[in-house]
Amino acid sequence: MEFLVRTENLLPNDTPDEVRNRLKSGERERAMELRAEGVLKRLWRVPGRNATIGLYEAADSAALHDALVSLPMWKYMDITVEALAAHPQENQQ
């Protein structure tokens, strides 16, 4: 299944730089692992916000949940998920 995942980073502004840098580094590393596993397909930044839109592929919503909570920043994110279904027009040649 494909999912459109919108995330907004809500890490408090007073978070120490050391913690912020560790989380960002871990987030980048885990995202690359999810890409290698074929779970994270595409990722876009949202201009003007500390937010992303991602295209994920997982067996089901439980597998997607497991992938999202494996991100080091997940505790500091507002996450919205939309399950995607193929449009009938996509099957036309």
N, C-alpha and C. Protein backbone atom coordinates (compact mmCIF):
# COMPACT_ATOMS: atom_id res chain seq x y z
N MET A 1 0.84 -1.18 0.00
CA MET A 1 0.00 0.00 0.00
C MET A 1 0.88 1.24 0.00
N GLU A 2 0.37 2.28 -0.65
CA GLU A 2 1.08 3.55 -0.63
C GLU A 2 0.37 4.51 0.32
N PHE A 3 1.17 5.36 0.96
CA PHE A 3 0.66 6.32 1.93
C PHE A 3 1.32 7.67 1.69
N LEU A 4 0.52 8.72 1.78
CA LEU A 4 1.04 10.08 1.77
C LEU A 4 1.16 10.50 3.23
N VAL A 5 2.37 10.82 3.65
CA VAL A 5 2.63 11.14 5.06
C VAL A 5 3.13 12.57 5.17
N ARG A 6 2.39 13.37 5.92
CA ARG A 6 2.77 14.76 6.17
C ARG A 6 3.28 14.85 7.61
N THR A 7 4.46 15.43 7.76
CA THR A 7 5.02 15.58 9.11
C THR A 7 5.41 17.04 9.34
N GLU A 8 5.21 17.47 10.54
CA GLU A 8 5.65 18.81 10.97
C GLU A 8 6.50 18.61 12.21
N ASN A 9 7.70 19.17 12.18
CA ASN A 9 8.63 19.05 13.30
C ASN A 9 8.21 20.03 14.39
N LEU A 10 7.95 19.52 15.59
CA LEU A 10 7.53 20.34 16.72
C LEU A 10 8.57 20.34 17.84
N LEU A 11 9.82 20.06 17.48
CA LEU A 11 10.89 20.08 18.48
C LEU A 11 10.96 21.47 19.11
N PRO A 12 10.89 21.56 20.43
CA PRO A 12 10.89 22.87 21.08
C PRO A 12 12.14 23.70 20.72
N ASN A 13 11.94 24.99 20.57
CA ASN A 13 13.04 25.89 20.21
C ASN A 13 14.16 25.89 21.23
N ASP A 14 13.86 25.60 22.49
CA ASP A 14 14.89 25.63 23.53
C ASP A 14 15.63 24.30 23.67
N THR A 15 15.43 23.39 22.72
CA THR A 15 16.15 22.12 22.74
C THR A 15 17.64 22.39 22.58
N PRO A 16 18.48 21.84 23.45
CA PRO A 16 19.92 22.07 23.33
C PRO A 16 20.45 21.63 21.95
N ASP A 17 21.41 22.38 21.44
CA ASP A 17 21.98 22.09 20.12
C ASP A 17 22.48 20.66 20.02
N GLU A 18 23.11 20.16 21.07
CA GLU A 18 23.64 18.80 21.05
C GLU A 18 22.53 17.78 20.81
N VAL A 19 21.41 17.95 21.48
CA VAL A 19 20.27 17.05 21.32
C VAL A 19 19.67 17.22 19.92
N ARG A 20 19.49 18.45 19.50
CA ARG A 20 18.93 18.74 18.17
C ARG A 20 19.79 18.10 17.08
N ASN A 21 21.11 18.27 17.16
CA ASN A 21 22.01 17.71 16.15
C ASN A 21 21.99 16.19 16.15
N ARG A 22 21.93 15.58 17.33
CA ARG A 22 21.87 14.11 17.43
C ARG A 22 20.59 13.59 16.81
N LEU A 23 19.47 14.24 17.09
CA LEU A 23 18.19 13.82 16.53
C LEU A 23 18.18 13.98 15.01
N LYS A 24 18.67 15.10 14.51
CA LYS A 24 18.69 15.34 13.06
C LYS A 24 19.57 14.32 12.35
N SER A 25 20.72 14.02 12.92
CA SER A 25 21.62 13.05 12.34
C SER A 25 20.99 11.66 12.33
N GLY A 26 20.38 11.28 13.43
CA GLY A 26 19.71 9.99 13.52
C GLY A 26 18.53 9.90 12.57
N GLU A 27 17.82 11.00 12.42
CA GLU A 27 16.68 11.05 11.50
C GLU A 27 17.13 10.83 10.06
N ARG A 28 18.20 11.49 9.69
CA ARG A 28 18.74 11.35 8.33
C ARG A 28 19.18 9.91 8.08
N GLU A 29 19.87 9.34 9.05
CA GLU A 29 20.36 7.96 8.92
C GLU A 29 19.20 6.97 8.79
N ARG A 30 18.18 7.13 9.65
CA ARG A 30 17.04 6.21 9.60
C ARG A 30 16.25 6.38 8.30
N ALA A 31 16.10 7.60 7.82
CA ALA A 31 15.40 7.83 6.56
C ALA A 31 16.13 7.13 5.41
N MET A 32 17.45 7.16 5.41
CA MET A 32 18.21 6.48 4.37
C MET A 32 18.01 4.96 4.45
N GLU A 33 17.90 4.44 5.66
CA GLU A 33 17.62 3.01 5.82
C GLU A 33 16.23 2.66 5.28
N LEU A 34 15.25 3.52 5.58
CA LEU A 34 13.90 3.28 5.07
C LEU A 34 13.86 3.36 3.55
N ARG A 35 14.68 4.25 2.97
CA ARG A 35 14.78 4.31 1.51
C ARG A 35 15.36 3.00 0.97
N ALA A 36 16.43 2.53 1.59
CA ALA A 36 17.08 1.30 1.15
C ALA A 36 16.13 0.10 1.27
N GLU A 37 15.26 0.12 2.26
CA GLU A 37 14.28 -0.95 2.46
C GLU A 37 13.09 -0.83 1.51
N GLY A 38 12.99 0.27 0.78
CA GLY A 38 11.88 0.49 -0.15
C GLY A 38 10.63 1.03 0.51
N VAL A 39 10.73 1.46 1.76
CA VAL A 39 9.57 1.98 2.48
C VAL A 39 9.37 3.46 2.16
N LEU A 40 10.41 4.25 2.21
CA LEU A 40 10.33 5.67 1.89
C LEU A 40 10.67 5.83 0.42
N LYS A 41 9.67 6.22 -0.36
CA LYS A 41 9.83 6.32 -1.81
C LYS A 41 10.25 7.71 -2.27
N ARG A 42 9.62 8.73 -1.71
CA ARG A 42 9.92 10.12 -2.10
C ARG A 42 9.75 10.99 -0.87
N LEU A 43 10.45 12.13 -0.87
CA LEU A 43 10.37 13.05 0.26
C LEU A 43 10.49 14.48 -0.27
N TRP A 44 9.56 15.34 0.16
CA TRP A 44 9.58 16.75 -0.24
C TRP A 44 9.60 17.62 1.00
N ARG A 45 10.26 18.76 0.91
CA ARG A 45 10.19 19.79 1.96
C ARG A 45 9.00 20.67 1.67
N VAL A 46 8.44 21.25 2.71
CA VAL A 46 7.36 22.23 2.55
C VAL A 46 7.99 23.60 2.78
N PRO A 47 8.09 24.43 1.74
CA PRO A 47 8.73 25.74 1.88
C PRO A 47 8.07 26.58 2.98
N GLY A 48 8.92 27.22 3.77
CA GLY A 48 8.45 28.13 4.80
C GLY A 48 8.02 27.46 6.10
N ARG A 49 8.13 26.14 6.16
CA ARG A 49 7.75 25.41 7.37
C ARG A 49 8.78 24.34 7.65
N ASN A 50 8.83 23.88 8.87
CA ASN A 50 9.70 22.77 9.23
C ASN A 50 8.88 21.50 9.07
N ALA A 51 8.55 21.19 7.79
CA ALA A 51 7.63 20.11 7.50
C ALA A 51 8.06 19.38 6.24
N THR A 52 7.59 18.13 6.11
CA THR A 52 7.86 17.33 4.92
C THR A 52 6.59 16.62 4.48
N ILE A 53 6.60 16.21 3.23
CA ILE A 53 5.58 15.33 2.68
C ILE A 53 6.33 14.14 2.10
N GLY A 54 5.93 12.95 2.49
CA GLY A 54 6.62 11.76 2.02
C GLY A 54 5.67 10.76 1.41
N LEU A 55 6.17 10.05 0.42
CA LEU A 55 5.44 8.93 -0.16
C LEU A 55 6.09 7.66 0.38
N TYR A 56 5.31 6.91 1.13
CA TYR A 56 5.78 5.68 1.76
C TYR A 56 5.04 4.49 1.16
N GLU A 57 5.69 3.33 1.19
CA GLU A 57 5.04 2.10 0.77
C GLU A 57 5.29 1.06 1.87
N ALA A 58 4.19 0.47 2.34
CA ALA A 58 4.28 -0.53 3.40
C ALA A 58 3.18 -1.57 3.18
N ALA A 59 3.36 -2.73 3.76
CA ALA A 59 2.39 -3.81 3.60
C ALA A 59 1.00 -3.40 4.08
N ASP A 60 0.95 -2.65 5.17
CA ASP A 60 -0.32 -2.20 5.73
C ASP A 60 -0.06 -1.04 6.68
N SER A 61 -1.12 -0.53 7.28
CA SER A 61 -0.97 0.64 8.16
C SER A 61 -0.13 0.32 9.40
N ALA A 62 -0.18 -0.91 9.88
CA ALA A 62 0.63 -1.29 11.04
C ALA A 62 2.12 -1.24 10.69
N ALA A 63 2.47 -1.72 9.49
CA ALA A 63 3.87 -1.67 9.07
C ALA A 63 4.33 -0.23 8.87
N LEU A 64 3.44 0.61 8.35
CA LEU A 64 3.79 2.02 8.21
C LEU A 64 4.00 2.64 9.59
N HIS A 65 3.12 2.34 10.53
CA HIS A 65 3.26 2.86 11.89
C HIS A 65 4.62 2.47 12.47
N ASP A 66 5.00 1.22 12.30
CA ASP A 66 6.30 0.77 12.81
C ASP A 66 7.45 1.56 12.18
N ALA A 67 7.34 1.84 10.88
CA ALA A 67 8.39 2.61 10.21
C ALA A 67 8.45 4.04 10.76
N LEU A 68 7.29 4.65 10.94
CA LEU A 68 7.27 6.04 11.41
C LEU A 68 7.78 6.18 12.84
N VAL A 69 7.40 5.26 13.71
CA VAL A 69 7.86 5.36 15.10
C VAL A 69 9.33 4.98 15.24
N SER A 70 9.93 4.43 14.18
CA SER A 70 11.36 4.13 14.22
C SER A 70 12.20 5.37 13.94
N LEU A 71 11.55 6.46 13.52
CA LEU A 71 12.27 7.71 13.27
C LEU A 71 12.60 8.37 14.61
N PRO A 72 13.83 8.78 14.82
CA PRO A 72 14.21 9.39 16.09
C PRO A 72 13.38 10.63 16.48
N MET A 73 12.86 11.35 15.49
CA MET A 73 12.11 12.58 15.76
C MET A 73 10.62 12.33 15.97
N TRP A 74 10.15 11.10 15.86
CA TRP A 74 8.72 10.87 15.83
C TRP A 74 7.98 11.43 17.04
N LYS A 75 8.61 11.46 18.19
CA LYS A 75 7.95 12.01 19.39
C LYS A 75 7.71 13.51 19.28
N TYR A 76 8.42 14.15 18.37
CA TYR A 76 8.34 15.60 18.20
C TYR A 76 7.65 15.99 16.90
N MET A 77 6.90 15.06 16.32
CA MET A 77 6.25 15.33 15.04
C MET A 77 4.73 15.28 15.15
N ASP A 78 4.11 16.17 14.40
CA ASP A 78 2.69 16.05 14.14
C ASP A 78 2.62 15.31 12.80
N ILE A 79 1.98 14.14 12.78
CA ILE A 79 1.99 13.28 11.60
C ILE A 79 0.55 13.06 11.13
N THR A 80 0.36 13.25 9.83
CA THR A 80 -0.92 12.97 9.20
C THR A 80 -0.68 11.96 8.09
N VAL A 81 -1.48 10.91 8.05
CA VAL A 81 -1.31 9.85 7.06
C VAL A 81 -2.58 9.72 6.22
N GLU A 82 -2.38 9.61 4.93
CA GLU A 82 -3.49 9.33 4.01
C GLU A 82 -3.14 8.07 3.22
N ALA A 83 -3.98 7.04 3.33
CA ALA A 83 -3.80 5.85 2.52
C ALA A 83 -4.19 6.20 1.09
N LEU A 84 -3.41 5.74 0.12
CA LEU A 84 -3.67 6.05 -1.27
C LEU A 84 -4.17 4.81 -2.00
N ALA A 85 -5.12 5.00 -2.87
CA ALA A 85 -5.64 3.92 -3.71
C ALA A 85 -5.50 4.35 -5.16
N ALA A 86 -5.19 3.40 -6.03
CA ALA A 86 -5.03 3.71 -7.45
C ALA A 86 -6.33 4.23 -8.04
N HIS A 87 -6.23 5.23 -8.86
CA HIS A 87 -7.37 5.77 -9.57
C HIS A 87 -7.62 4.90 -10.80
N PRO A 88 -8.88 4.63 -11.15
CA PRO A 88 -9.16 3.79 -12.32
C PRO A 88 -8.49 4.30 -13.61
N GLN A 89 -8.32 5.58 -13.72
CA GLN A 89 -7.69 6.16 -14.91
C GLN A 89 -6.22 5.73 -15.03
N GLU A 90 -5.58 5.39 -13.92
CA GLU A 90 -4.18 4.96 -13.94
C GLU A 90 -4.01 3.63 -14.67
N ASN A 91 -5.08 2.84 -14.77
CA ASN A 91 -5.00 1.53 -15.42
C ASN A 91 -5.22 1.61 -16.94
N GLN A 92 -5.59 2.80 -17.42
CA GLN A 92 -5.82 2.96 -18.86
C GLN A 92 -4.50 3.16 -19.57
N GLN A 93 -4.38 2.62 -20.73
CA GLN A 93 -3.17 2.78 -21.54
C GLN A 93 -3.33 3.89 -22.52
